Amino acid sequence: SGIGPLKPADALAYGPAMMVNLLGVAPAEALRSVTSVAARACGLG
């Protein structure tokens, strides 16, 4: 976020739908990618 008009600070919430639509992942996997998987990657799991 921050690097352009499509990347405001509240952009993350739109990411899981993009993952479902572009990559064909299941919704639960997309939601994990912004919750538990992301927390684990940041050392906060």
ModelCIF file with pLDDT and N, C-alpha, C, O atoms, coordinates in Angstrom:
data_MODEL
#
_entry.id   MODEL 
#
_entity.id                         1 
_entity.type                       polymer 
_entity.pdbx_number_of_molecules   1 
#
_entity_poly.entity_id                      1 
_entity_poly.type                           'polypeptide(L)' 
_entity_poly.nstd_linkage                   no 
_entity_poly.nstd_monomer                   no 
_entity_poly.pdbx_seq_one_letter_code       SGIGPLKPADALAYGPAMMVNLLGVAPAEALRSVTSVAARACGLG 
_entity_poly.pdbx_seq_one_letter_code_can   SGIGPLKPADALAYGPAMMVNLLGVAPAEALRSVTSVAARACGLG 
_entity_poly.pdbx_strand_id                 A 
#
loop_
_entity_poly_seq.entity_id 
_entity_poly_seq.num 
_entity_poly_seq.mon_id 
_entity_poly_seq.hetero 
1 1  SER n 
1 2  GLY n 
1 3  ILE n 
1 4  GLY n 
1 5  PRO n 
1 6  LEU n 
1 7  LYS n 
1 8  PRO n 
1 9  ALA n 
1 10 ASP n 
1 11 ALA n 
1 12 LEU n 
1 13 ALA n 
1 14 TYR n 
1 15 GLY n 
1 16 PRO n 
1 17 ALA n 
1 18 MET n 
1 19 MET n 
1 20 VAL n 
1 21 ASN n 
1 22 LEU n 
1 23 LEU n 
1 24 GLY n 
1 25 VAL n 
1 26 ALA n 
1 27 PRO n 
1 28 ALA n 
1 29 GLU n 
1 30 ALA n 
1 31 LEU n 
1 32 ARG n 
1 33 SER n 
1 34 VAL n 
1 35 THR n 
1 36 SER n 
1 37 VAL n 
1 38 ALA n 
1 39 ALA n 
1 40 ARG n 
1 41 ALA n 
1 42 CYS n 
1 43 GLY n 
1 44 LEU n 
1 45 GLY n 
#
_struct_asym.id          A 
_struct_asym.entity_id   1 
#
loop_
_ma_qa_metric.id 
_ma_qa_metric.mode 
_ma_qa_metric.name 
_ma_qa_metric.software_group_id 
_ma_qa_metric.type 
1 global pLDDT . pLDDT 
2 local  pLDDT . pLDDT 
#
_ma_qa_metric_global.metric_id      1 
_ma_qa_metric_global.metric_value   97.47 
_ma_qa_metric_global.model_id       1 
_ma_qa_metric_global.ordinal_id     1 
#
loop_
_ma_qa_metric_local.label_asym_id 
_ma_qa_metric_local.label_comp_id 
_ma_qa_metric_local.label_seq_id 
_ma_qa_metric_local.metric_id 
_ma_qa_metric_local.metric_value 
_ma_qa_metric_local.model_id 
_ma_qa_metric_local.ordinal_id 
A SER 1  2 98.00 1 1  
A GLY 2  2 98.00 1 2  
A ILE 3  2 97.00 1 3  
A GLY 4  2 96.00 1 4  
A PRO 5  2 97.00 1 5  
A LEU 6  2 97.00 1 6  
A LYS 7  2 98.00 1 7  
A PRO 8  2 98.00 1 8  
A ALA 9  2 98.00 1 9  
A ASP 10 2 98.00 1 10 
A ALA 11 2 98.00 1 11 
A LEU 12 2 98.00 1 12 
A ALA 13 2 98.00 1 13 
A TYR 14 2 98.00 1 14 
A GLY 15 2 98.00 1 15 
A PRO 16 2 98.00 1 16 
A ALA 17 2 98.00 1 17 
A MET 18 2 96.00 1 18 
A MET 19 2 97.00 1 19 
A VAL 20 2 97.00 1 20 
A ASN 21 2 96.00 1 21 
A LEU 22 2 94.00 1 22 
A LEU 23 2 95.00 1 23 
A GLY 24 2 95.00 1 24 
A VAL 25 2 96.00 1 25 
A ALA 26 2 97.00 1 26 
A PRO 27 2 98.00 1 27 
A ALA 28 2 98.00 1 28 
A GLU 29 2 98.00 1 29 
A ALA 30 2 98.00 1 30 
A LEU 31 2 98.00 1 31 
A ARG 32 2 98.00 1 32 
A SER 33 2 98.00 1 33 
A VAL 34 2 98.00 1 34 
A THR 35 2 98.00 1 35 
A SER 36 2 98.00 1 36 
A VAL 37 2 98.00 1 37 
A ALA 38 2 98.00 1 38 
A ALA 39 2 98.00 1 39 
A ARG 40 2 98.00 1 40 
A ALA 41 2 98.00 1 41 
A CYS 42 2 98.00 1 42 
A GLY 43 2 98.00 1 43 
A LEU 44 2 98.00 1 44 
A GLY 45 2 98.00 1 45 
#
loop_
_atom_site.group_PDB 
_atom_site.id 
_atom_site.type_symbol 
_atom_site.label_atom_id 
_atom_site.label_alt_id 
_atom_site.label_comp_id 
_atom_site.label_asym_id 
_atom_site.label_entity_id 
_atom_site.label_seq_id 
_atom_site.pdbx_PDB_ins_code 
_atom_site.Cartn_x 
_atom_site.Cartn_y 
_atom_site.Cartn_z 
_atom_site.occupancy 
_atom_site.B_iso_or_equiv 
_atom_site.pdbx_formal_charge 
_atom_site.auth_seq_id 
_atom_site.auth_comp_id 
_atom_site.auth_asym_id 
_atom_site.auth_atom_id 
_atom_site.pdbx_PDB_model_num 
ATOM 1   N N  . SER A 1 1  ? 0.817   -1.212  0.000   1.00 98.00 ? 1  SER A N  1 
ATOM 2   C CA . SER A 1 1  ? 0.000   0.000   0.000   1.00 98.00 ? 1  SER A CA 1 
ATOM 3   C C  . SER A 1 1  ? 0.848   1.258   0.000   1.00 98.00 ? 1  SER A C  1 
ATOM 4   O O  . SER A 1 1  ? 1.957   1.294   0.532   1.00 98.00 ? 1  SER A O  1 
ATOM 5   N N  . GLY A 1 2  ? 0.283   2.292   -0.620  1.00 98.00 ? 2  GLY A N  1 
ATOM 6   C CA . GLY A 1 2  ? 0.899   3.604   -0.684  1.00 98.00 ? 2  GLY A CA 1 
ATOM 7   C C  . GLY A 1 2  ? 1.534   3.945   -2.005  1.00 98.00 ? 2  GLY A C  1 
ATOM 8   O O  . GLY A 1 2  ? 1.767   5.120   -2.287  1.00 98.00 ? 2  GLY A O  1 
ATOM 9   N N  . ILE A 1 3  ? 1.828   2.936   -2.843  1.00 97.00 ? 3  ILE A N  1 
ATOM 10  C CA . ILE A 1 3  ? 2.657   3.186   -4.019  1.00 97.00 ? 3  ILE A CA 1 
ATOM 11  C C  . ILE A 1 3  ? 1.882   3.712   -5.229  1.00 97.00 ? 3  ILE A C  1 
ATOM 12  O O  . ILE A 1 3  ? 2.487   3.995   -6.264  1.00 97.00 ? 3  ILE A O  1 
ATOM 13  N N  . GLY A 1 4  ? 0.564   3.850   -5.122  1.00 96.00 ? 4  GLY A N  1 
ATOM 14  C CA . GLY A 1 4  ? -0.211  4.379   -6.229  1.00 96.00 ? 4  GLY A CA 1 
ATOM 15  C C  . GLY A 1 4  ? -1.681  4.445   -5.886  1.00 96.00 ? 4  GLY A C  1 
ATOM 16  O O  . GLY A 1 4  ? -2.091  3.959   -4.832  1.00 96.00 ? 4  GLY A O  1 
ATOM 17  N N  . PRO A 1 5  ? -2.499  5.049   -6.769  1.00 97.00 ? 5  PRO A N  1 
ATOM 18  C CA . PRO A 1 5  ? -3.915  5.263   -6.471  1.00 97.00 ? 5  PRO A CA 1 
ATOM 19  C C  . PRO A 1 5  ? -4.719  3.983   -6.235  1.00 97.00 ? 5  PRO A C  1 
ATOM 20  O O  . PRO A 1 5  ? -5.744  4.024   -5.555  1.00 97.00 ? 5  PRO A O  1 
ATOM 21  N N  . LEU A 1 6  ? -4.279  2.855   -6.779  1.00 97.00 ? 6  LEU A N  1 
ATOM 22  C CA . LEU A 1 6  ? -4.980  1.597   -6.556  1.00 97.00 ? 6  LEU A CA 1 
ATOM 23  C C  . LEU A 1 6  ? -4.517  0.896   -5.279  1.00 97.00 ? 6  LEU A C  1 
ATOM 24  O O  . LEU A 1 6  ? -4.992  -0.190  -4.947  1.00 97.00 ? 6  LEU A O  1 
ATOM 25  N N  . LYS A 1 7  ? -3.592  1.528   -4.573  1.00 98.00 ? 7  LYS A N  1 
ATOM 26  C CA . LYS A 1 7  ? -2.992  0.907   -3.390  1.00 98.00 ? 7  LYS A CA 1 
ATOM 27  C C  . LYS A 1 7  ? -3.120  1.793   -2.150  1.00 98.00 ? 7  LYS A C  1 
ATOM 28  O O  . LYS A 1 7  ? -2.111  2.088   -1.510  1.00 98.00 ? 7  LYS A O  1 
ATOM 29  N N  . PRO A 1 8  ? -4.326  2.223   -1.795  1.00 98.00 ? 8  PRO A N  1 
ATOM 30  C CA . PRO A 1 8  ? -4.479  2.956   -0.533  1.00 98.00 ? 8  PRO A CA 1 
ATOM 31  C C  . PRO A 1 8  ? -4.293  2.023   0.649   1.00 98.00 ? 8  PRO A C  1 
ATOM 32  O O  . PRO A 1 8  ? -4.146  0.813   0.476   1.00 98.00 ? 8  PRO A O  1 
ATOM 33  N N  . ALA A 1 9  ? -4.298  2.578   1.836   1.00 98.00 ? 9  ALA A N  1 
ATOM 34  C CA . ALA A 1 9  ? -4.005  1.797   3.033   1.00 98.00 ? 9  ALA A CA 1 
ATOM 35  C C  . ALA A 1 9  ? -5.069  0.766   3.358   1.00 98.00 ? 9  ALA A C  1 
ATOM 36  O O  . ALA A 1 9  ? -4.821  -0.133  4.162   1.00 98.00 ? 9  ALA A O  1 
ATOM 37  N N  . ASP A 1 10 ? -6.258  0.869   2.750   1.00 98.00 ? 10 ASP A N  1 
ATOM 38  C CA . ASP A 1 10 ? -7.324  -0.101  3.000   1.00 98.00 ? 10 ASP A CA 1 
ATOM 39  C C  . ASP A 1 10 ? -7.521  -1.072  1.839   1.00 98.00 ? 10 ASP A C  1 
ATOM 40  O O  . ASP A 1 10 ? -8.595  -1.656  1.697   1.00 98.00 ? 10 ASP A O  1 
ATOM 41  N N  . ALA A 1 11 ? -6.493  -1.248  1.006   1.00 98.00 ? 11 ALA A N  1 
ATOM 42  C CA . ALA A 1 11 ? -6.629  -2.085  -0.190  1.00 98.00 ? 11 ALA A CA 1 
ATOM 43  C C  . ALA A 1 11 ? -6.667  -3.581  0.101   1.00 98.00 ? 11 ALA A C  1 
ATOM 44  O O  . ALA A 1 11 ? -7.198  -4.347  -0.702  1.00 98.00 ? 11 ALA A O  1 
ATOM 45  N N  . LEU A 1 12 ? -6.112  -4.015  1.239   1.00 98.00 ? 12 LEU A N  1 
ATOM 46  C CA . LEU A 1 12 ? -5.929  -5.452  1.471   1.00 98.00 ? 12 LEU A CA 1 
ATOM 47  C C  . LEU A 1 12 ? -7.235  -6.233  1.387   1.00 98.00 ? 12 LEU A C  1 
ATOM 48  O O  . LEU A 1 12 ? -7.244  -7.359  0.891   1.00 98.00 ? 12 LEU A O  1 
ATOM 49  N N  . ALA A 1 13 ? -8.324  -5.664  1.857   1.00 98.00 ? 13 ALA A N  1 
ATOM 50  C CA . ALA A 1 13 ? -9.592  -6.394  1.892   1.00 98.00 ? 13 ALA A CA 1 
ATOM 51  C C  . ALA A 1 13 ? -10.056 -6.848  0.508   1.00 98.00 ? 13 ALA A C  1 
ATOM 52  O O  . ALA A 1 13 ? -10.875 -7.759  0.397   1.00 98.00 ? 13 ALA A O  1 
ATOM 53  N N  . TYR A 1 14 ? -9.539  -6.221  -0.536  1.00 98.00 ? 14 TYR A N  1 
ATOM 54  C CA . TYR A 1 14 ? -9.931  -6.591  -1.893  1.00 98.00 ? 14 TYR A CA 1 
ATOM 55  C C  . TYR A 1 14 ? -9.065  -7.716  -2.459  1.00 98.00 ? 14 TYR A C  1 
ATOM 56  O O  . TYR A 1 14 ? -9.369  -8.261  -3.520  1.00 98.00 ? 14 TYR A O  1 
ATOM 57  N N  . GLY A 1 15 ? -7.986  -8.062  -1.750  1.00 98.00 ? 15 GLY A N  1 
ATOM 58  C CA . GLY A 1 15 ? -7.054  -9.064  -2.245  1.00 98.00 ? 15 GLY A CA 1 
ATOM 59  C C  . GLY A 1 15 ? -7.609  -10.469 -2.332  1.00 98.00 ? 15 GLY A C  1 
ATOM 60  O O  . GLY A 1 15 ? -7.422  -11.121 -3.359  1.00 98.00 ? 15 GLY A O  1 
ATOM 61  N N  . PRO A 1 16 ? -8.301  -10.984 -1.281  1.00 98.00 ? 16 PRO A N  1 
ATOM 62  C CA . PRO A 1 16 ? -8.799  -12.360 -1.359  1.00 98.00 ? 16 PRO A CA 1 
ATOM 63  C C  . PRO A 1 16 ? -9.730  -12.611 -2.552  1.00 98.00 ? 16 PRO A C  1 
ATOM 64  O O  . PRO A 1 16 ? -9.641  -13.665 -3.181  1.00 98.00 ? 16 PRO A O  1 
ATOM 65  N N  . ALA A 1 17 ? -10.601 -11.682 -2.869  1.00 98.00 ? 17 ALA A N  1 
ATOM 66  C CA . ALA A 1 17 ? -11.473 -11.871 -4.037  1.00 98.00 ? 17 ALA A CA 1 
ATOM 67  C C  . ALA A 1 17 ? -10.644 -11.942 -5.315  1.00 98.00 ? 17 ALA A C  1 
ATOM 68  O O  . ALA A 1 17 ? -10.978 -12.700 -6.226  1.00 98.00 ? 17 ALA A O  1 
ATOM 69  N N  . MET A 1 18 ? -9.565  -11.161 -5.393  1.00 96.00 ? 18 MET A N  1 
ATOM 70  C CA . MET A 1 18 ? -8.689  -11.221 -6.562  1.00 96.00 ? 18 MET A CA 1 
ATOM 71  C C  . MET A 1 18 ? -8.011  -12.579 -6.651  1.00 96.00 ? 18 MET A C  1 
ATOM 72  O O  . MET A 1 18 ? -7.874  -13.128 -7.744  1.00 96.00 ? 18 MET A O  1 
ATOM 73  N N  . MET A 1 19 ? -7.583  -13.129 -5.518  1.00 97.00 ? 19 MET A N  1 
ATOM 74  C CA . MET A 1 19 ? -6.945  -14.443 -5.529  1.00 97.00 ? 19 MET A CA 1 
ATOM 75  C C  . MET A 1 19 ? -7.928  -15.527 -6.000  1.00 97.00 ? 19 MET A C  1 
ATOM 76  O O  . MET A 1 19 ? -7.557  -16.436 -6.743  1.00 97.00 ? 19 MET A O  1 
ATOM 77  N N  . VAL A 1 20 ? -9.174  -15.414 -5.557  1.00 97.00 ? 20 VAL A N  1 
ATOM 78  C CA . VAL A 1 20 ? -10.186 -16.377 -5.990  1.00 97.00 ? 20 VAL A CA 1 
ATOM 79  C C  . VAL A 1 20 ? -10.436 -16.248 -7.489  1.00 97.00 ? 20 VAL A C  1 
ATOM 80  O O  . VAL A 1 20 ? -10.495 -17.250 -8.203  1.00 97.00 ? 20 VAL A O  1 
ATOM 81  N N  . ASN A 1 21 ? -10.583 -15.013 -7.962  1.00 96.00 ? 21 ASN A N  1 
ATOM 82  C CA . ASN A 1 21 ? -10.945 -14.789 -9.365  1.00 96.00 ? 21 ASN A CA 1 
ATOM 83  C C  . ASN A 1 21 ? -9.790  -15.040 -10.327 1.00 96.00 ? 21 ASN A C  1 
ATOM 84  O O  . ASN A 1 21 ? -10.004 -15.559 -11.422 1.00 96.00 ? 21 ASN A O  1 
ATOM 85  N N  . LEU A 1 22 ? -8.571  -14.683 -9.935  1.00 94.00 ? 22 LEU A N  1 
ATOM 86  C CA . LEU A 1 22 ? -7.430  -14.788 -10.846 1.00 94.00 ? 22 LEU A CA 1 
ATOM 87  C C  . LEU A 1 22 ? -6.686  -16.114 -10.721 1.00 94.00 ? 22 LEU A C  1 
ATOM 88  O O  . LEU A 1 22 ? -6.184  -16.644 -11.712 1.00 94.00 ? 22 LEU A O  1 
ATOM 89  N N  . LEU A 1 23 ? -6.615  -16.648 -9.502  1.00 95.00 ? 23 LEU A N  1 
ATOM 90  C CA . LEU A 1 23 ? -5.833  -17.864 -9.281  1.00 95.00 ? 23 LEU A CA 1 
ATOM 91  C C  . LEU A 1 23 ? -6.696  -19.091 -9.047  1.00 95.00 ? 23 LEU A C  1 
ATOM 92  O O  . LEU A 1 23 ? -6.183  -20.210 -9.018  1.00 95.00 ? 23 LEU A O  1 
ATOM 93  N N  . GLY A 1 24 ? -7.999  -18.899 -8.881  1.00 95.00 ? 24 GLY A N  1 
ATOM 94  C CA . GLY A 1 24 ? -8.889  -20.042 -8.698  1.00 95.00 ? 24 GLY A CA 1 
ATOM 95  C C  . GLY A 1 24 ? -8.769  -20.710 -7.341  1.00 95.00 ? 24 GLY A C  1 
ATOM 96  O O  . GLY A 1 24 ? -9.144  -21.874 -7.203  1.00 95.00 ? 24 GLY A O  1 
ATOM 97  N N  . VAL A 1 25 ? -8.255  -20.009 -6.331  1.00 96.00 ? 25 VAL A N  1 
ATOM 98  C CA . VAL A 1 25 ? -8.136  -20.616 -5.010  1.00 96.00 ? 25 VAL A CA 1 
ATOM 99  C C  . VAL A 1 25 ? -9.507  -20.631 -4.340  1.00 96.00 ? 25 VAL A C  1 
ATOM 100 O O  . VAL A 1 25 ? -10.391 -19.855 -4.701  1.00 96.00 ? 25 VAL A O  1 
ATOM 101 N N  . ALA A 1 26 ? -9.675  -21.511 -3.372  1.00 97.00 ? 26 ALA A N  1 
ATOM 102 C CA . ALA A 1 26 ? -10.915 -21.555 -2.608  1.00 97.00 ? 26 ALA A CA 1 
ATOM 103 C C  . ALA A 1 26 ? -10.990 -20.329 -1.702  1.00 97.00 ? 26 ALA A C  1 
ATOM 104 O O  . ALA A 1 26 ? -9.956  -19.827 -1.261  1.00 97.00 ? 26 ALA A O  1 
ATOM 105 N N  . PRO A 1 27 ? -12.198 -19.841 -1.418  1.00 98.00 ? 27 PRO A N  1 
ATOM 106 C CA . PRO A 1 27 ? -12.317 -18.664 -0.554  1.00 98.00 ? 27 PRO A CA 1 
ATOM 107 C C  . PRO A 1 27 ? -11.616 -18.809 0.793   1.00 98.00 ? 27 PRO A C  1 
ATOM 108 O O  . PRO A 1 27 ? -10.995 -17.857 1.266   1.00 98.00 ? 27 PRO A O  1 
ATOM 109 N N  . ALA A 1 28 ? -11.703 -19.987 1.420   1.00 98.00 ? 28 ALA A N  1 
ATOM 110 C CA . ALA A 1 28 ? -11.060 -20.159 2.724   1.00 98.00 ? 28 ALA A CA 1 
ATOM 111 C C  . ALA A 1 28 ? -9.548  -20.000 2.609   1.00 98.00 ? 28 ALA A C  1 
ATOM 112 O O  . ALA A 1 28 ? -8.922  -19.413 3.491   1.00 98.00 ? 28 ALA A O  1 
ATOM 113 N N  . GLU A 1 29 ? -8.958  -20.510 1.543   1.00 98.00 ? 29 GLU A N  1 
ATOM 114 C CA . GLU A 1 29 ? -7.511  -20.350 1.348   1.00 98.00 ? 29 GLU A CA 1 
ATOM 115 C C  . GLU A 1 29 ? -7.153  -18.885 1.163   1.00 98.00 ? 29 GLU A C  1 
ATOM 116 O O  . GLU A 1 29 ? -6.149  -18.413 1.697   1.00 98.00 ? 29 GLU A O  1 
ATOM 117 N N  . ALA A 1 30 ? -7.974  -18.170 0.408   1.00 98.00 ? 30 ALA A N  1 
ATOM 118 C CA . ALA A 1 30 ? -7.725  -16.745 0.203   1.00 98.00 ? 30 ALA A CA 1 
ATOM 119 C C  . ALA A 1 30 ? -7.829  -15.975 1.515   1.00 98.00 ? 30 ALA A C  1 
ATOM 120 O O  . ALA A 1 30 ? -7.033  -15.071 1.769   1.00 98.00 ? 30 ALA A O  1 
ATOM 121 N N  . LEU A 1 31 ? -8.803  -16.327 2.349   1.00 98.00 ? 31 LEU A N  1 
ATOM 122 C CA . LEU A 1 31 ? -8.945  -15.653 3.645   1.00 98.00 ? 31 LEU A CA 1 
ATOM 123 C C  . LEU A 1 31 ? -7.792  -15.992 4.585   1.00 98.00 ? 31 LEU A C  1 
ATOM 124 O O  . LEU A 1 31 ? -7.343  -15.135 5.347   1.00 98.00 ? 31 LEU A O  1 
ATOM 125 N N  . ARG A 1 32 ? -7.310  -17.229 4.540   1.00 98.00 ? 32 ARG A N  1 
ATOM 126 C CA . ARG A 1 32 ? -6.145  -17.585 5.351   1.00 98.00 ? 32 ARG A CA 1 
ATOM 127 C C  . ARG A 1 32 ? -4.936  -16.754 4.958   1.00 98.00 ? 32 ARG A C  1 
ATOM 128 O O  . ARG A 1 32 ? -4.100  -16.438 5.804   1.00 98.00 ? 32 ARG A O  1 
ATOM 129 N N  . SER A 1 33 ? -4.836  -16.396 3.678   1.00 98.00 ? 33 SER A N  1 
ATOM 130 C CA . SER A 1 33 ? -3.656  -15.671 3.197   1.00 98.00 ? 33 SER A CA 1 
ATOM 131 C C  . SER A 1 33 ? -3.573  -14.257 3.748   1.00 98.00 ? 33 SER A C  1 
ATOM 132 O O  . SER A 1 33 ? -2.517  -13.629 3.668   1.00 98.00 ? 33 SER A O  1 
ATOM 133 N N  . VAL A 1 34 ? -4.676  -13.736 4.313   1.00 98.00 ? 34 VAL A N  1 
ATOM 134 C CA . VAL A 1 34 ? -4.638  -12.411 4.931   1.00 98.00 ? 34 VAL A CA 1 
ATOM 135 C C  . VAL A 1 34 ? -4.877  -12.488 6.438   1.00 98.00 ? 34 VAL A C  1 
ATOM 136 O O  . VAL A 1 34 ? -5.037  -11.462 7.099   1.00 98.00 ? 34 VAL A O  1 
ATOM 137 N N  . THR A 1 35 ? -4.901  -13.714 6.978   1.00 98.00 ? 35 THR A N  1 
ATOM 138 C CA . THR A 1 35 ? -5.096  -13.888 8.425   1.00 98.00 ? 35 THR A CA 1 
ATOM 139 C C  . THR A 1 35 ? -4.002  -14.793 8.985   1.00 98.00 ? 35 THR A C  1 
ATOM 140 O O  . THR A 1 35 ? -2.905  -14.318 9.281   1.00 98.00 ? 35 THR A O  1 
ATOM 141 N N  . SER A 1 36 ? -4.281  -16.082 9.135   1.00 98.00 ? 36 SER A N  1 
ATOM 142 C CA . SER A 1 36 ? -3.335  -16.959 9.830   1.00 98.00 ? 36 SER A CA 1 
ATOM 143 C C  . SER A 1 36 ? -2.028  -17.151 9.065   1.00 98.00 ? 36 SER A C  1 
ATOM 144 O O  . SER A 1 36 ? -0.960  -17.171 9.676   1.00 98.00 ? 36 SER A O  1 
ATOM 145 N N  . VAL A 1 37 ? -2.090  -17.292 7.744   1.00 98.00 ? 37 VAL A N  1 
ATOM 146 C CA . VAL A 1 37 ? -0.857  -17.487 6.962   1.00 98.00 ? 37 VAL A CA 1 
ATOM 147 C C  . VAL A 1 37 ? -0.004  -16.221 7.011   1.00 98.00 ? 37 VAL A C  1 
ATOM 148 O O  . VAL A 1 37 ? 1.215   -16.293 7.172   1.00 98.00 ? 37 VAL A O  1 
ATOM 149 N N  . ALA A 1 38 ? -0.648  -15.066 6.872   1.00 98.00 ? 38 ALA A N  1 
ATOM 150 C CA . ALA A 1 38 ? 0.092   -13.805 6.938   1.00 98.00 ? 38 ALA A CA 1 
ATOM 151 C C  . ALA A 1 38 ? 0.699   -13.588 8.317   1.00 98.00 ? 38 ALA A C  1 
ATOM 152 O O  . ALA A 1 38 ? 1.837   -13.131 8.428   1.00 98.00 ? 38 ALA A O  1 
ATOM 153 N N  . ALA A 1 39 ? -0.052  -13.910 9.371   1.00 98.00 ? 39 ALA A N  1 
ATOM 154 C CA . ALA A 1 39 ? 0.479   -13.743 10.728  1.00 98.00 ? 39 ALA A CA 1 
ATOM 155 C C  . ALA A 1 39 ? 1.697   -14.629 10.947  1.00 98.00 ? 39 ALA A C  1 
ATOM 156 O O  . ALA A 1 39 ? 2.692   -14.192 11.525  1.00 98.00 ? 39 ALA A O  1 
ATOM 157 N N  . ARG A 1 40 ? 1.620   -15.874 10.486  1.00 98.00 ? 40 ARG A N  1 
ATOM 158 C CA . ARG A 1 40 ? 2.746   -16.791 10.641  1.00 98.00 ? 40 ARG A CA 1 
ATOM 159 C C  . ARG A 1 40 ? 3.974   -16.270 9.885   1.00 98.00 ? 40 ARG A C  1 
ATOM 160 O O  . ARG A 1 40 ? 5.093   -16.355 10.391  1.00 98.00 ? 40 ARG A O  1 
ATOM 161 N N  . ALA A 1 41 ? 3.772   -15.737 8.687   1.00 98.00 ? 41 ALA A N  1 
ATOM 162 C CA . ALA A 1 41 ? 4.897   -15.213 7.905   1.00 98.00 ? 41 ALA A CA 1 
ATOM 163 C C  . ALA A 1 41 ? 5.551   -14.021 8.588   1.00 98.00 ? 41 ALA A C  1 
ATOM 164 O O  . ALA A 1 41 ? 6.743   -13.777 8.406   1.00 98.00 ? 41 ALA A O  1 
ATOM 165 N N  . CYS A 1 42 ? 4.779   -13.278 9.372   1.00 98.00 ? 42 CYS A N  1 
ATOM 166 C CA . CYS A 1 42 ? 5.313   -12.119 10.096  1.00 98.00 ? 42 CYS A CA 1 
ATOM 167 C C  . CYS A 1 42 ? 5.859   -12.481 11.469  1.00 98.00 ? 42 CYS A C  1 
ATOM 168 O O  . CYS A 1 42 ? 6.281   -11.598 12.217  1.00 98.00 ? 42 CYS A O  1 
ATOM 169 N N  . GLY A 1 43 ? 5.859   -13.774 11.814  1.00 98.00 ? 43 GLY A N  1 
ATOM 170 C CA . GLY A 1 43 ? 6.362   -14.194 13.104  1.00 98.00 ? 43 GLY A CA 1 
ATOM 171 C C  . GLY A 1 43 ? 5.384   -13.991 14.244  1.00 98.00 ? 43 GLY A C  1 
ATOM 172 O O  . GLY A 1 43 ? 5.776   -13.976 15.411  1.00 98.00 ? 43 GLY A O  1 
ATOM 173 N N  . LEU A 1 44 ? 4.098   -13.833 13.907  1.00 98.00 ? 44 LEU A N  1 
ATOM 174 C CA . LEU A 1 44 ? 3.069   -13.571 14.920  1.00 98.00 ? 44 LEU A CA 1 
ATOM 175 C C  . LEU A 1 44 ? 2.015   -14.663 14.953  1.00 98.00 ? 44 LEU A C  1 
ATOM 176 O O  . LEU A 1 44 ? 0.896   -14.437 15.412  1.00 98.00 ? 44 LEU A O  1 
ATOM 177 N N  . GLY A 1 45 ? 2.366   -15.843 14.469  1.00 98.00 ? 45 GLY A N  1 
ATOM 178 C CA . GLY A 1 45 ? 1.387   -16.911 14.350  1.00 98.00 ? 45 GLY A CA 1 
ATOM 179 C C  . GLY A 1 45 ? 0.836   -17.421 15.655  1.00 98.00 ? 45 GLY A C  1 
ATOM 180 O O  . GLY A 1 45 ? 0.001   -18.325 15.661  1.00 98.00 ? 45 GLY A O  1 
#
